[in-house]
Amino acid sequence: METKPTEASPALAKIPNGYVNIMGYVDESEVNGPGCRAVIWVQGCPRQCSGCFNPESWSFRINQLISVDFLAEKILRKPKNTGVTFSGGEPFWQASALASLARQLKAAGLNVMSFTGFTLKQLQSESAPPNSARLLAELDILIDGPFVECLAINSPTSLVSSSNQAVHVFNPDLTNQMNWASDQIEIHILKDGSRIVTGYQGSLSK
């Protein structure tokens, strides 16, 4: 599904500057990128791909508004976090705030990775969501392309979910770390008793 910036902008305008609207957050994940990472699932994606891992992230409604500065402090407070992964939802619809967050985290020595339903070529084009170039410039790893159900790989050893997707490693220091534990499931129990399940689950959600 091809998406233009104007399709999402009315709802995004409700997000204050310096804030991110998120669906969920966990610390110390080992199945969402190299090493031990914080993971931020942003709220909002107009693609609505069949078989999407996180359909609850489609709506652009205001879910959890968290300031960039608070998120940076929260992530850095956990010494096991060596990086952060942006997922969703579609991170590039909130590129400006995430770029600011990434800049703070990289200054502290963390690496930054993002999933996106856009291709890298689309993100480098004039029709990309606002400030996409800013976020791209901060990334160490990008996994691009929408999930296509008929091209699903369903393999615990694959770093991508469908064969149309690609892994772009912008930081050569991470080239030999493309082997994270995608064949495991993590269950994170939050303070309010809710759970976030993430990791490889065959043909089910991630």
N, C-alpha and C. Protein backbone atom coordinates (compact mmCIF):
# COMPACT_ATOMS: atom_id res chain seq x y z
N MET A 1 0.85 -1.20 0.00
CA MET A 1 0.00 0.00 0.00
C MET A 1 0.88 1.24 0.00
N GLU A 2 0.80 2.03 -1.04
CA GLU A 2 1.61 3.25 -1.13
C GLU A 2 0.98 4.33 -0.27
N THR A 3 1.79 5.01 0.52
CA THR A 3 1.27 5.99 1.47
C THR A 3 1.95 7.33 1.27
N LYS A 4 1.18 8.39 1.20
CA LYS A 4 1.72 9.72 1.04
C LYS A 4 1.72 10.45 2.39
N PRO A 5 2.66 11.39 2.60
CA PRO A 5 2.72 12.10 3.88
C PRO A 5 1.40 12.73 4.29
N THR A 6 0.62 13.24 3.36
CA THR A 6 -0.61 13.93 3.71
C THR A 6 -1.66 13.00 4.30
N GLU A 7 -1.54 11.70 4.07
CA GLU A 7 -2.55 10.77 4.56
C GLU A 7 -2.51 10.63 6.07
N ALA A 8 -1.38 10.85 6.69
CA ALA A 8 -1.26 10.65 8.13
C ALA A 8 -1.16 11.95 8.90
N SER A 9 -0.93 13.07 8.24
CA SER A 9 -0.58 14.31 8.93
C SER A 9 -1.65 14.88 9.88
N PRO A 10 -2.95 14.76 9.63
CA PRO A 10 -3.92 15.35 10.56
C PRO A 10 -3.80 14.79 11.98
N ALA A 11 -3.68 13.47 12.12
CA ALA A 11 -3.54 12.88 13.44
C ALA A 11 -2.18 13.18 14.05
N LEU A 12 -1.15 13.19 13.23
CA LEU A 12 0.20 13.45 13.73
C LEU A 12 0.33 14.86 14.28
N ALA A 13 -0.47 15.78 13.78
CA ALA A 13 -0.40 17.17 14.23
C ALA A 13 -0.78 17.31 15.71
N LYS A 14 -1.42 16.29 16.26
CA LYS A 14 -1.82 16.34 17.67
C LYS A 14 -0.67 16.01 18.62
N ILE A 15 0.44 15.51 18.07
CA ILE A 15 1.58 15.16 18.91
C ILE A 15 2.42 16.41 19.17
N PRO A 16 2.60 16.81 20.43
CA PRO A 16 3.40 18.02 20.71
C PRO A 16 4.85 17.84 20.27
N ASN A 17 5.50 18.93 19.95
CA ASN A 17 6.92 18.89 19.61
C ASN A 17 7.71 18.30 20.77
N GLY A 18 8.66 17.45 20.44
CA GLY A 18 9.50 16.85 21.48
C GLY A 18 8.89 15.64 22.15
N TYR A 19 7.77 15.14 21.61
CA TYR A 19 7.11 13.97 22.17
C TYR A 19 6.96 12.89 21.11
N VAL A 20 6.85 11.64 21.59
CA VAL A 20 6.59 10.49 20.73
C VAL A 20 5.30 9.83 21.20
N ASN A 21 4.45 9.46 20.26
CA ASN A 21 3.23 8.71 20.57
C ASN A 21 3.56 7.24 20.38
N ILE A 22 3.57 6.47 21.46
CA ILE A 22 4.01 5.08 21.37
C ILE A 22 2.89 4.10 21.69
N MET A 23 3.03 2.90 21.15
CA MET A 23 2.14 1.79 21.46
C MET A 23 2.68 1.00 22.65
N GLY A 24 4.00 0.86 22.73
CA GLY A 24 4.59 0.07 23.80
C GLY A 24 6.09 0.29 23.90
N TYR A 25 6.65 -0.22 25.00
CA TYR A 25 8.08 -0.02 25.27
C TYR A 25 8.56 -1.16 26.17
N VAL A 26 9.76 -1.68 25.90
CA VAL A 26 10.41 -2.63 26.80
C VAL A 26 11.90 -2.32 26.85
N ASP A 27 12.51 -2.71 27.95
CA ASP A 27 13.97 -2.65 28.11
C ASP A 27 14.55 -4.04 27.95
N GLU A 28 15.83 -4.08 27.65
CA GLU A 28 16.65 -5.29 27.73
C GLU A 28 16.11 -6.44 26.89
N SER A 29 15.69 -6.13 25.67
CA SER A 29 15.26 -7.18 24.73
C SER A 29 16.47 -7.72 23.98
N GLU A 30 16.47 -9.01 23.74
CA GLU A 30 17.55 -9.65 22.99
C GLU A 30 17.06 -10.27 21.69
N VAL A 31 15.82 -9.94 21.27
CA VAL A 31 15.27 -10.54 20.05
C VAL A 31 14.85 -9.48 19.02
N ASN A 32 15.26 -8.24 19.25
CA ASN A 32 14.86 -7.16 18.35
C ASN A 32 16.06 -6.37 17.82
N GLY A 33 17.17 -7.07 17.63
CA GLY A 33 18.38 -6.43 17.14
C GLY A 33 19.58 -6.93 17.90
N PRO A 34 20.78 -6.49 17.50
CA PRO A 34 22.00 -6.99 18.13
C PRO A 34 22.14 -6.55 19.57
N GLY A 35 22.62 -7.45 20.40
CA GLY A 35 22.86 -7.12 21.80
C GLY A 35 21.57 -7.03 22.60
N CYS A 36 21.65 -6.27 23.67
CA CYS A 36 20.53 -6.06 24.58
C CYS A 36 19.98 -4.66 24.33
N ARG A 37 18.67 -4.52 24.07
CA ARG A 37 18.16 -3.27 23.54
C ARG A 37 16.84 -2.84 24.19
N ALA A 38 16.65 -1.54 24.22
CA ALA A 38 15.32 -1.00 24.46
C ALA A 38 14.57 -1.05 23.13
N VAL A 39 13.26 -1.28 23.20
CA VAL A 39 12.43 -1.33 22.00
C VAL A 39 11.25 -0.38 22.17
N ILE A 40 11.05 0.48 21.17
CA ILE A 40 9.93 1.41 21.18
C ILE A 40 9.03 1.08 19.99
N TRP A 41 7.77 0.73 20.27
CA TRP A 41 6.78 0.53 19.23
C TRP A 41 5.96 1.81 19.12
N VAL A 42 6.09 2.52 18.03
CA VAL A 42 5.35 3.77 17.88
C VAL A 42 3.91 3.48 17.48
N GLN A 43 3.04 4.45 17.75
CA GLN A 43 1.62 4.33 17.42
C GLN A 43 1.35 4.99 16.07
N GLY A 44 0.73 4.24 15.17
CA GLY A 44 0.28 4.83 13.92
C GLY A 44 0.95 4.26 12.68
N CYS A 45 0.13 3.68 11.80
CA CYS A 45 0.60 3.23 10.49
C CYS A 45 -0.61 3.06 9.58
N PRO A 46 -0.67 3.76 8.45
CA PRO A 46 -1.83 3.66 7.57
C PRO A 46 -1.80 2.49 6.59
N ARG A 47 -0.75 1.69 6.59
CA ARG A 47 -0.64 0.62 5.60
C ARG A 47 -1.65 -0.50 5.83
N GLN A 48 -1.81 -0.91 7.09
CA GLN A 48 -2.74 -1.98 7.45
C GLN A 48 -2.49 -3.24 6.63
N CYS A 49 -1.24 -3.69 6.62
CA CYS A 49 -0.85 -4.86 5.85
C CYS A 49 -1.52 -6.13 6.40
N SER A 50 -1.97 -6.98 5.51
CA SER A 50 -2.54 -8.26 5.90
C SER A 50 -1.46 -9.08 6.62
N GLY A 51 -1.81 -9.64 7.78
CA GLY A 51 -0.86 -10.42 8.55
C GLY A 51 0.08 -9.59 9.39
N CYS A 52 -0.20 -8.30 9.52
CA CYS A 52 0.66 -7.40 10.32
C CYS A 52 0.86 -7.96 11.72
N PHE A 53 2.08 -7.82 12.23
CA PHE A 53 2.41 -8.31 13.56
C PHE A 53 1.70 -7.51 14.66
N ASN A 54 1.48 -6.23 14.42
CA ASN A 54 0.95 -5.35 15.47
C ASN A 54 -0.22 -4.50 14.97
N PRO A 55 -1.37 -5.12 14.65
CA PRO A 55 -2.49 -4.32 14.14
C PRO A 55 -3.00 -3.28 15.12
N GLU A 56 -2.73 -3.49 16.40
CA GLU A 56 -3.14 -2.50 17.40
C GLU A 56 -2.35 -1.20 17.26
N SER A 57 -1.29 -1.23 16.48
CA SER A 57 -0.48 -0.02 16.27
C SER A 57 -0.95 0.79 15.07
N TRP A 58 -1.96 0.35 14.33
CA TRP A 58 -2.37 1.04 13.11
C TRP A 58 -2.95 2.43 13.39
N SER A 59 -3.78 2.53 14.39
CA SER A 59 -4.48 3.79 14.65
C SER A 59 -3.49 4.89 15.04
N PHE A 60 -3.75 6.11 14.55
CA PHE A 60 -2.93 7.26 14.93
C PHE A 60 -3.49 7.98 16.16
N ARG A 61 -4.41 7.34 16.84
CA ARG A 61 -4.95 7.96 18.05
C ARG A 61 -3.82 8.22 19.06
N ILE A 62 -4.00 9.17 19.91
CA ILE A 62 -3.02 9.41 20.97
C ILE A 62 -3.12 8.28 21.99
N ASN A 63 -2.05 7.54 22.15
CA ASN A 63 -2.04 6.40 23.06
C ASN A 63 -1.19 6.70 24.29
N GLN A 64 0.13 6.74 24.12
CA GLN A 64 1.03 7.13 25.19
C GLN A 64 1.97 8.21 24.66
N LEU A 65 1.81 9.41 25.15
CA LEU A 65 2.71 10.50 24.77
C LEU A 65 3.85 10.56 25.77
N ILE A 66 5.08 10.40 25.28
CA ILE A 66 6.26 10.41 26.13
C ILE A 66 7.28 11.36 25.52
N SER A 67 7.88 12.20 26.36
CA SER A 67 8.84 13.15 25.83
C SER A 67 10.14 12.46 25.43
N VAL A 68 10.79 13.02 24.44
CA VAL A 68 12.07 12.49 23.97
C VAL A 68 13.09 12.46 25.11
N ASP A 69 13.15 13.53 25.89
CA ASP A 69 14.12 13.59 26.99
C ASP A 69 13.86 12.51 28.04
N PHE A 70 12.57 12.28 28.35
CA PHE A 70 12.23 11.25 29.33
C PHE A 70 12.61 9.87 28.81
N LEU A 71 12.31 9.62 27.52
CA LEU A 71 12.66 8.32 26.93
C LEU A 71 14.16 8.09 26.95
N ALA A 72 14.93 9.11 26.60
CA ALA A 72 16.38 8.98 26.60
C ALA A 72 16.88 8.64 28.00
N GLU A 73 16.36 9.34 29.00
CA GLU A 73 16.76 9.08 30.38
C GLU A 73 16.37 7.66 30.80
N LYS A 74 15.17 7.24 30.42
CA LYS A 74 14.67 5.91 30.77
C LYS A 74 15.55 4.82 30.16
N ILE A 75 15.91 4.98 28.90
CA ILE A 75 16.73 3.99 28.22
C ILE A 75 18.14 3.93 28.81
N LEU A 76 18.72 5.09 29.08
CA LEU A 76 20.08 5.13 29.59
C LEU A 76 20.17 4.71 31.06
N ARG A 77 19.03 4.68 31.73
CA ARG A 77 19.02 4.28 33.15
C ARG A 77 19.27 2.78 33.28
N LYS A 78 19.06 2.04 32.20
CA LYS A 78 19.27 0.59 32.22
C LYS A 78 20.63 0.29 31.59
N PRO A 79 21.63 -0.04 32.40
CA PRO A 79 22.99 -0.22 31.85
C PRO A 79 23.11 -1.38 30.87
N LYS A 80 22.16 -2.33 30.89
CA LYS A 80 22.24 -3.45 29.95
C LYS A 80 21.82 -3.05 28.53
N ASN A 81 21.12 -1.93 28.40
CA ASN A 81 20.71 -1.48 27.07
C ASN A 81 21.93 -0.98 26.29
N THR A 82 22.29 -1.68 25.23
CA THR A 82 23.41 -1.24 24.39
C THR A 82 22.92 -0.58 23.10
N GLY A 83 21.61 -0.61 22.89
CA GLY A 83 21.04 0.00 21.70
C GLY A 83 19.55 0.19 21.86
N VAL A 84 18.94 0.77 20.85
CA VAL A 84 17.49 0.96 20.83
C VAL A 84 16.97 0.58 19.46
N THR A 85 15.78 -0.03 19.43
CA THR A 85 15.12 -0.40 18.17
C THR A 85 13.78 0.32 18.09
N PHE A 86 13.53 0.97 16.95
CA PHE A 86 12.24 1.60 16.69
C PHE A 86 11.41 0.66 15.83
N SER A 87 10.20 0.39 16.26
CA SER A 87 9.31 -0.47 15.50
C SER A 87 7.92 0.12 15.58
N GLY A 88 6.92 -0.65 15.25
CA GLY A 88 5.59 -0.03 15.32
C GLY A 88 4.49 -0.92 14.82
N GLY A 89 3.54 -0.17 14.20
CA GLY A 89 3.52 1.22 13.74
C GLY A 89 4.63 1.50 12.71
N GLU A 90 4.64 2.75 12.30
CA GLU A 90 5.64 3.21 11.33
C GLU A 90 6.49 4.31 11.95
N PRO A 91 7.74 4.00 12.32
CA PRO A 91 8.60 5.00 12.95
C PRO A 91 8.81 6.27 12.13
N PHE A 92 8.83 6.16 10.82
CA PHE A 92 9.18 7.35 10.02
C PHE A 92 8.05 8.38 9.96
N TRP A 93 6.86 8.06 10.45
CA TRP A 93 5.83 9.10 10.58
C TRP A 93 6.11 9.98 11.80
N GLN A 94 7.04 9.56 12.65
CA GLN A 94 7.46 10.39 13.78
C GLN A 94 8.97 10.59 13.73
N ALA A 95 9.47 10.81 12.53
CA ALA A 95 10.91 10.84 12.29
C ALA A 95 11.63 11.93 13.06
N SER A 96 11.04 13.10 13.17
CA SER A 96 11.73 14.21 13.82
C SER A 96 12.04 13.91 15.28
N ALA A 97 11.03 13.46 16.02
CA ALA A 97 11.23 13.16 17.44
C ALA A 97 12.18 11.98 17.62
N LEU A 98 12.03 10.96 16.80
CA LEU A 98 12.91 9.80 16.93
C LEU A 98 14.34 10.13 16.54
N ALA A 99 14.53 11.03 15.59
CA ALA A 99 15.89 11.46 15.24
C ALA A 99 16.54 12.17 16.43
N SER A 100 15.77 13.00 17.13
CA SER A 100 16.30 13.69 18.31
C SER A 100 16.66 12.69 19.40
N LEU A 101 15.80 11.70 19.59
CA LEU A 101 16.08 10.66 20.59
C LEU A 101 17.31 9.88 20.20
N ALA A 102 17.40 9.49 18.94
CA ALA A 102 18.55 8.72 18.46
C ALA A 102 19.85 9.48 18.67
N ARG A 103 19.81 10.78 18.43
CA ARG A 103 21.02 11.60 18.58
C ARG A 103 21.50 11.57 20.03
N GLN A 104 20.59 11.69 20.98
CA GLN A 104 20.97 11.65 22.39
C GLN A 104 21.57 10.29 22.76
N LEU A 105 20.94 9.23 22.29
CA LEU A 105 21.40 7.89 22.64
C LEU A 105 22.74 7.57 22.01
N LYS A 106 22.95 7.99 20.76
CA LYS A 106 24.23 7.73 20.11
C LYS A 106 25.36 8.50 20.78
N ALA A 107 25.04 9.70 21.28
CA ALA A 107 26.05 10.47 22.00
C ALA A 107 26.48 9.75 23.27
N ALA A 108 25.59 8.90 23.80
CA ALA A 108 25.91 8.14 25.01
C ALA A 108 26.51 6.77 24.68
N GLY A 109 26.71 6.48 23.37
CA GLY A 109 27.38 5.25 22.98
C GLY A 109 26.48 4.11 22.55
N LEU A 110 25.16 4.34 22.46
CA LEU A 110 24.26 3.29 22.03
C LEU A 110 24.13 3.29 20.51
N ASN A 111 23.74 2.15 19.94
CA ASN A 111 23.45 2.09 18.52
C ASN A 111 21.94 2.13 18.30
N VAL A 112 21.52 2.48 17.09
CA VAL A 112 20.11 2.71 16.81
C VAL A 112 19.69 1.95 15.56
N MET A 113 18.58 1.25 15.68
CA MET A 113 18.05 0.43 14.59
C MET A 113 16.58 0.75 14.40
N SER A 114 16.08 0.63 13.18
CA SER A 114 14.66 0.85 12.95
C SER A 114 14.11 -0.12 11.91
N PHE A 115 12.87 -0.53 12.14
CA PHE A 115 12.08 -1.20 11.13
C PHE A 115 11.26 -0.13 10.41
N THR A 116 10.89 -0.37 9.17
CA THR A 116 10.02 0.55 8.44
C THR A 116 9.28 -0.21 7.34
N GLY A 117 8.07 0.24 7.05
CA GLY A 117 7.32 -0.31 5.93
C GLY A 117 7.69 0.34 4.61
N PHE A 118 8.42 1.44 4.67
CA PHE A 118 8.92 2.08 3.45
C PHE A 118 10.17 1.36 2.98
N THR A 119 10.49 1.49 1.71
CA THR A 119 11.80 1.05 1.24
C THR A 119 12.79 2.19 1.46
N LEU A 120 14.06 1.84 1.47
CA LEU A 120 15.09 2.86 1.63
C LEU A 120 14.98 3.89 0.51
N LYS A 121 14.73 3.44 -0.70
CA LYS A 121 14.60 4.36 -1.83
C LYS A 121 13.45 5.34 -1.59
N GLN A 122 12.33 4.88 -1.07
CA GLN A 122 11.21 5.76 -0.80
C GLN A 122 11.57 6.79 0.28
N LEU A 123 12.31 6.35 1.28
CA LEU A 123 12.69 7.25 2.37
C LEU A 123 13.69 8.31 1.90
N GLN A 124 14.38 8.03 0.82
CA GLN A 124 15.35 8.99 0.27
C GLN A 124 14.74 9.88 -0.80
N SER A 125 13.44 9.68 -1.08
CA SER A 125 12.78 10.44 -2.13
C SER A 125 12.08 11.68 -1.57
N GLU A 126 11.63 12.54 -2.46
CA GLU A 126 10.94 13.76 -2.05
C GLU A 126 9.58 13.47 -1.43
N SER A 127 9.02 12.31 -1.67
CA SER A 127 7.70 11.98 -1.13
C SER A 127 7.77 11.29 0.23
N ALA A 128 8.96 11.18 0.79
CA ALA A 128 9.12 10.54 2.09
C ALA A 128 8.44 11.35 3.19
N PRO A 129 8.06 10.72 4.31
CA PRO A 129 7.52 11.46 5.43
C PRO A 129 8.47 12.57 5.87
N PRO A 130 7.95 13.65 6.44
CA PRO A 130 8.81 14.76 6.87
C PRO A 130 9.93 14.31 7.79
N ASN A 131 11.11 14.85 7.57
CA ASN A 131 12.29 14.62 8.41
C ASN A 131 12.84 13.19 8.33
N SER A 132 12.44 12.44 7.30
CA SER A 132 12.97 11.09 7.14
C SER A 132 14.49 11.09 7.02
N ALA A 133 15.03 12.07 6.32
CA ALA A 133 16.49 12.13 6.13
C ALA A 133 17.20 12.30 7.47
N ARG A 134 16.60 13.06 8.37
CA ARG A 134 17.20 13.26 9.70
C ARG A 134 17.29 11.95 10.46
N LEU A 135 16.21 11.17 10.42
CA LEU A 135 16.23 9.89 11.13
C LEU A 135 17.18 8.91 10.45
N LEU A 136 17.15 8.84 9.13
CA LEU A 136 18.06 7.95 8.41
C LEU A 136 19.52 8.22 8.77
N ALA A 137 19.85 9.49 8.92
CA ALA A 137 21.23 9.87 9.21
C ALA A 137 21.71 9.37 10.57
N GLU A 138 20.77 9.08 11.46
CA GLU A 138 21.12 8.63 12.81
C GLU A 138 21.15 7.11 12.94
N LEU A 139 20.65 6.38 11.94
CA LEU A 139 20.50 4.94 12.07
C LEU A 139 21.79 4.17 11.80
N ASP A 140 21.99 3.12 12.58
CA ASP A 140 23.07 2.17 12.35
C ASP A 140 22.58 0.99 11.51
N ILE A 141 21.30 0.63 11.67
CA ILE A 141 20.71 -0.48 10.95
C ILE A 141 19.28 -0.10 10.55
N LEU A 142 18.89 -0.45 9.34
CA LEU A 142 17.52 -0.27 8.89
C LEU A 142 17.04 -1.57 8.26
N ILE A 143 15.86 -2.03 8.69
CA ILE A 143 15.19 -3.14 8.01
C ILE A 143 13.98 -2.55 7.32
N ASP A 144 13.98 -2.59 5.99
CA ASP A 144 12.97 -1.85 5.23
C ASP A 144 12.03 -2.75 4.45
N GLY A 145 10.91 -2.17 4.06
CA GLY A 145 9.92 -2.85 3.24
C GLY A 145 8.73 -3.33 4.06
N PRO A 146 7.53 -3.25 3.48
CA PRO A 146 6.33 -3.71 4.20
C PRO A 146 6.32 -5.22 4.35
N PHE A 147 5.62 -5.70 5.37
CA PHE A 147 5.42 -7.13 5.49
C PHE A 147 4.40 -7.57 4.44
N VAL A 148 4.78 -8.56 3.62
CA VAL A 148 3.89 -9.09 2.58
C VAL A 148 3.60 -10.54 2.94
N GLU A 149 2.37 -10.80 3.29
CA GLU A 149 2.00 -12.10 3.86
C GLU A 149 2.32 -13.26 2.93
N CYS A 150 2.09 -13.09 1.63
CA CYS A 150 2.35 -14.19 0.70
C CYS A 150 3.84 -14.44 0.49
N LEU A 151 4.68 -13.51 0.96
CA LEU A 151 6.13 -13.68 0.86
C LEU A 151 6.77 -13.98 2.22
N ALA A 152 5.93 -14.29 3.22
CA ALA A 152 6.42 -14.55 4.57
C ALA A 152 7.45 -15.67 4.59
N ILE A 153 8.50 -15.49 5.37
CA ILE A 153 9.58 -16.47 5.44
C ILE A 153 9.35 -17.49 6.54
N ASN A 154 8.86 -17.03 7.70
CA ASN A 154 8.55 -17.93 8.82
C ASN A 154 9.72 -18.81 9.22
N SER A 155 10.88 -18.22 9.26
CA SER A 155 12.09 -18.95 9.67
C SER A 155 12.73 -18.26 10.86
N PRO A 156 13.08 -19.00 11.91
CA PRO A 156 13.70 -18.37 13.08
C PRO A 156 15.10 -17.85 12.82
N THR A 157 15.70 -18.21 11.70
CA THR A 157 17.05 -17.75 11.40
C THR A 157 17.07 -16.53 10.48
N SER A 158 15.90 -16.08 10.04
CA SER A 158 15.83 -14.95 9.12
C SER A 158 15.72 -13.64 9.90
N LEU A 159 16.46 -12.63 9.44
CA LEU A 159 16.39 -11.32 10.08
C LEU A 159 15.23 -10.49 9.54
N VAL A 160 14.60 -10.96 8.46
CA VAL A 160 13.44 -10.27 7.89
C VAL A 160 12.25 -11.21 7.93
N SER A 161 11.04 -10.62 7.86
CA SER A 161 9.82 -11.41 8.00
C SER A 161 9.25 -11.85 6.66
N SER A 162 9.47 -11.08 5.61
CA SER A 162 9.04 -11.48 4.27
C SER A 162 10.16 -11.18 3.29
N SER A 163 10.21 -11.94 2.20
CA SER A 163 11.39 -11.94 1.34
C SER A 163 11.62 -10.63 0.59
N ASN A 164 10.65 -9.75 0.57
CA ASN A 164 10.83 -8.45 -0.08
C ASN A 164 11.61 -7.47 0.79
N GLN A 165 11.76 -7.77 2.06
CA GLN A 165 12.43 -6.86 2.98
C GLN A 165 13.95 -7.03 2.91
N ALA A 166 14.67 -6.01 3.33
CA ALA A 166 16.13 -6.04 3.27
C ALA A 166 16.72 -5.43 4.54
N VAL A 167 17.91 -5.88 4.88
CA VAL A 167 18.65 -5.35 6.02
C VAL A 167 19.75 -4.44 5.50
N HIS A 168 19.76 -3.19 5.95
CA HIS A 168 20.79 -2.23 5.57
C HIS A 168 21.63 -1.91 6.80
N VAL A 169 22.91 -2.22 6.75
CA VAL A 169 23.82 -1.95 7.87
C VAL A 169 24.65 -0.73 7.51
N PHE A 170 24.37 0.38 8.16
CA PHE A 170 25.07 1.63 7.89
C PHE A 170 26.33 1.77 8.74
N ASN A 171 26.38 1.05 9.85
CA ASN A 171 27.53 1.11 10.74
C ASN A 171 28.34 -0.17 10.58
N PRO A 172 29.51 -0.10 9.95
CA PRO A 172 30.29 -1.32 9.70
C PRO A 172 30.71 -2.06 10.97
N ASP A 173 30.72 -1.37 12.10
CA ASP A 173 31.08 -2.03 13.35
C ASP A 173 30.06 -3.10 13.75
N LEU A 174 28.86 -3.03 13.18
CA LEU A 174 27.80 -3.98 13.53
C LEU A 174 27.63 -5.09 12.49
N THR A 175 28.44 -5.07 11.47
CA THR A 175 28.29 -6.03 10.37
C THR A 175 28.30 -7.47 10.85
N ASN A 176 29.14 -7.78 11.82
CA ASN A 176 29.26 -9.16 12.31
C ASN A 176 28.32 -9.47 13.45
N GLN A 177 27.35 -8.60 13.69
CA GLN A 177 26.40 -8.83 14.79
C GLN A 177 24.98 -9.06 14.28
N MET A 178 24.86 -9.43 13.02
CA MET A 178 23.54 -9.67 12.44
C MET A 178 23.06 -11.10 12.71
N ASN A 179 23.05 -11.48 13.98
CA ASN A 179 22.69 -12.84 14.35
C ASN A 179 21.97 -12.87 15.70
N TRP A 180 21.10 -11.88 15.92
CA TRP A 180 20.43 -11.83 17.21
C TRP A 180 19.44 -12.97 17.36
N ALA A 181 18.93 -13.14 18.57
CA ALA A 181 18.13 -14.32 18.92
C ALA A 181 16.71 -14.22 18.39
N SER A 182 16.56 -14.23 17.07
CA SER A 182 15.23 -14.12 16.48
C SER A 182 14.43 -15.41 16.62
N ASP A 183 15.08 -16.48 17.11
CA ASP A 183 14.38 -17.75 17.26
C ASP A 183 13.90 -17.95 18.69
N GLN A 184 13.74 -16.88 19.43
CA GLN A 184 13.26 -16.95 20.80
C GLN A 184 12.07 -16.02 21.00
N ILE A 185 11.30 -16.32 22.02
CA ILE A 185 10.18 -15.47 22.40
C ILE A 185 10.47 -14.86 23.76
N GLU A 186 10.24 -13.58 23.89
CA GLU A 186 10.35 -12.90 25.18
C GLU A 186 8.96 -12.48 25.64
N ILE A 187 8.71 -12.61 26.93
CA ILE A 187 7.49 -12.10 27.53
C ILE A 187 7.89 -11.09 28.59
N HIS A 188 7.52 -9.84 28.36
CA HIS A 188 7.82 -8.76 29.31
C HIS A 188 6.54 -8.43 30.08
N ILE A 189 6.58 -8.57 31.40
CA ILE A 189 5.43 -8.23 32.24
C ILE A 189 5.65 -6.83 32.79
N LEU A 190 4.73 -5.92 32.46
CA LEU A 190 4.87 -4.52 32.84
C LEU A 190 4.30 -4.28 34.24
N LYS A 191 4.57 -3.10 34.77
CA LYS A 191 4.14 -2.78 36.13
C LYS A 191 2.64 -2.85 36.32
N ASP A 192 1.88 -2.54 35.25
CA ASP A 192 0.42 -2.57 35.37
C ASP A 192 -0.15 -3.98 35.15
N GLY A 193 0.72 -4.97 35.02
CA GLY A 193 0.28 -6.34 34.84
C GLY A 193 0.09 -6.76 33.40
N SER A 194 0.14 -5.81 32.47
CA SER A 194 0.02 -6.15 31.05
C SER A 194 1.31 -6.81 30.56
N ARG A 195 1.21 -7.49 29.42
CA ARG A 195 2.35 -8.21 28.88
C ARG A 195 2.64 -7.77 27.45
N ILE A 196 3.91 -7.76 27.12
CA ILE A 196 4.34 -7.59 25.74
C ILE A 196 5.09 -8.85 25.34
N VAL A 197 4.61 -9.52 24.30
CA VAL A 197 5.26 -10.72 23.78
C VAL A 197 5.96 -10.33 22.49
N THR A 198 7.25 -10.61 22.40
CA THR A 198 8.01 -10.24 21.22
C THR A 198 9.03 -11.32 20.91
N GLY A 199 9.45 -11.41 19.65
CA GLY A 199 10.38 -12.44 19.23
C GLY A 199 9.79 -13.29 18.13
N TYR A 200 10.47 -14.35 17.76
CA TYR A 200 10.02 -15.21 16.67
C TYR A 200 8.88 -16.10 17.14
N GLN A 201 7.77 -16.09 16.39
CA GLN A 201 6.63 -16.93 16.73
C GLN A 201 6.08 -17.63 15.49
N GLY A 202 6.93 -18.06 14.61
CA GLY A 202 6.46 -18.73 13.40
C GLY A 202 5.58 -17.83 12.58
N SER A 203 4.42 -18.30 12.22
CA SER A 203 3.50 -17.52 11.39
C SER A 203 2.63 -16.59 12.21
N LEU A 204 2.84 -16.53 13.52
CA LEU A 204 2.06 -15.65 14.36
C LEU A 204 2.73 -14.30 14.46
N SER A 205 2.33 -13.47 15.42
CA SER A 205 2.82 -12.08 15.48
C SER A 205 4.16 -11.99 16.14
N LYS A 206 4.80 -10.84 15.87
CA LYS A 206 6.08 -10.53 16.51
C LYS A 206 5.91 -9.23 17.25
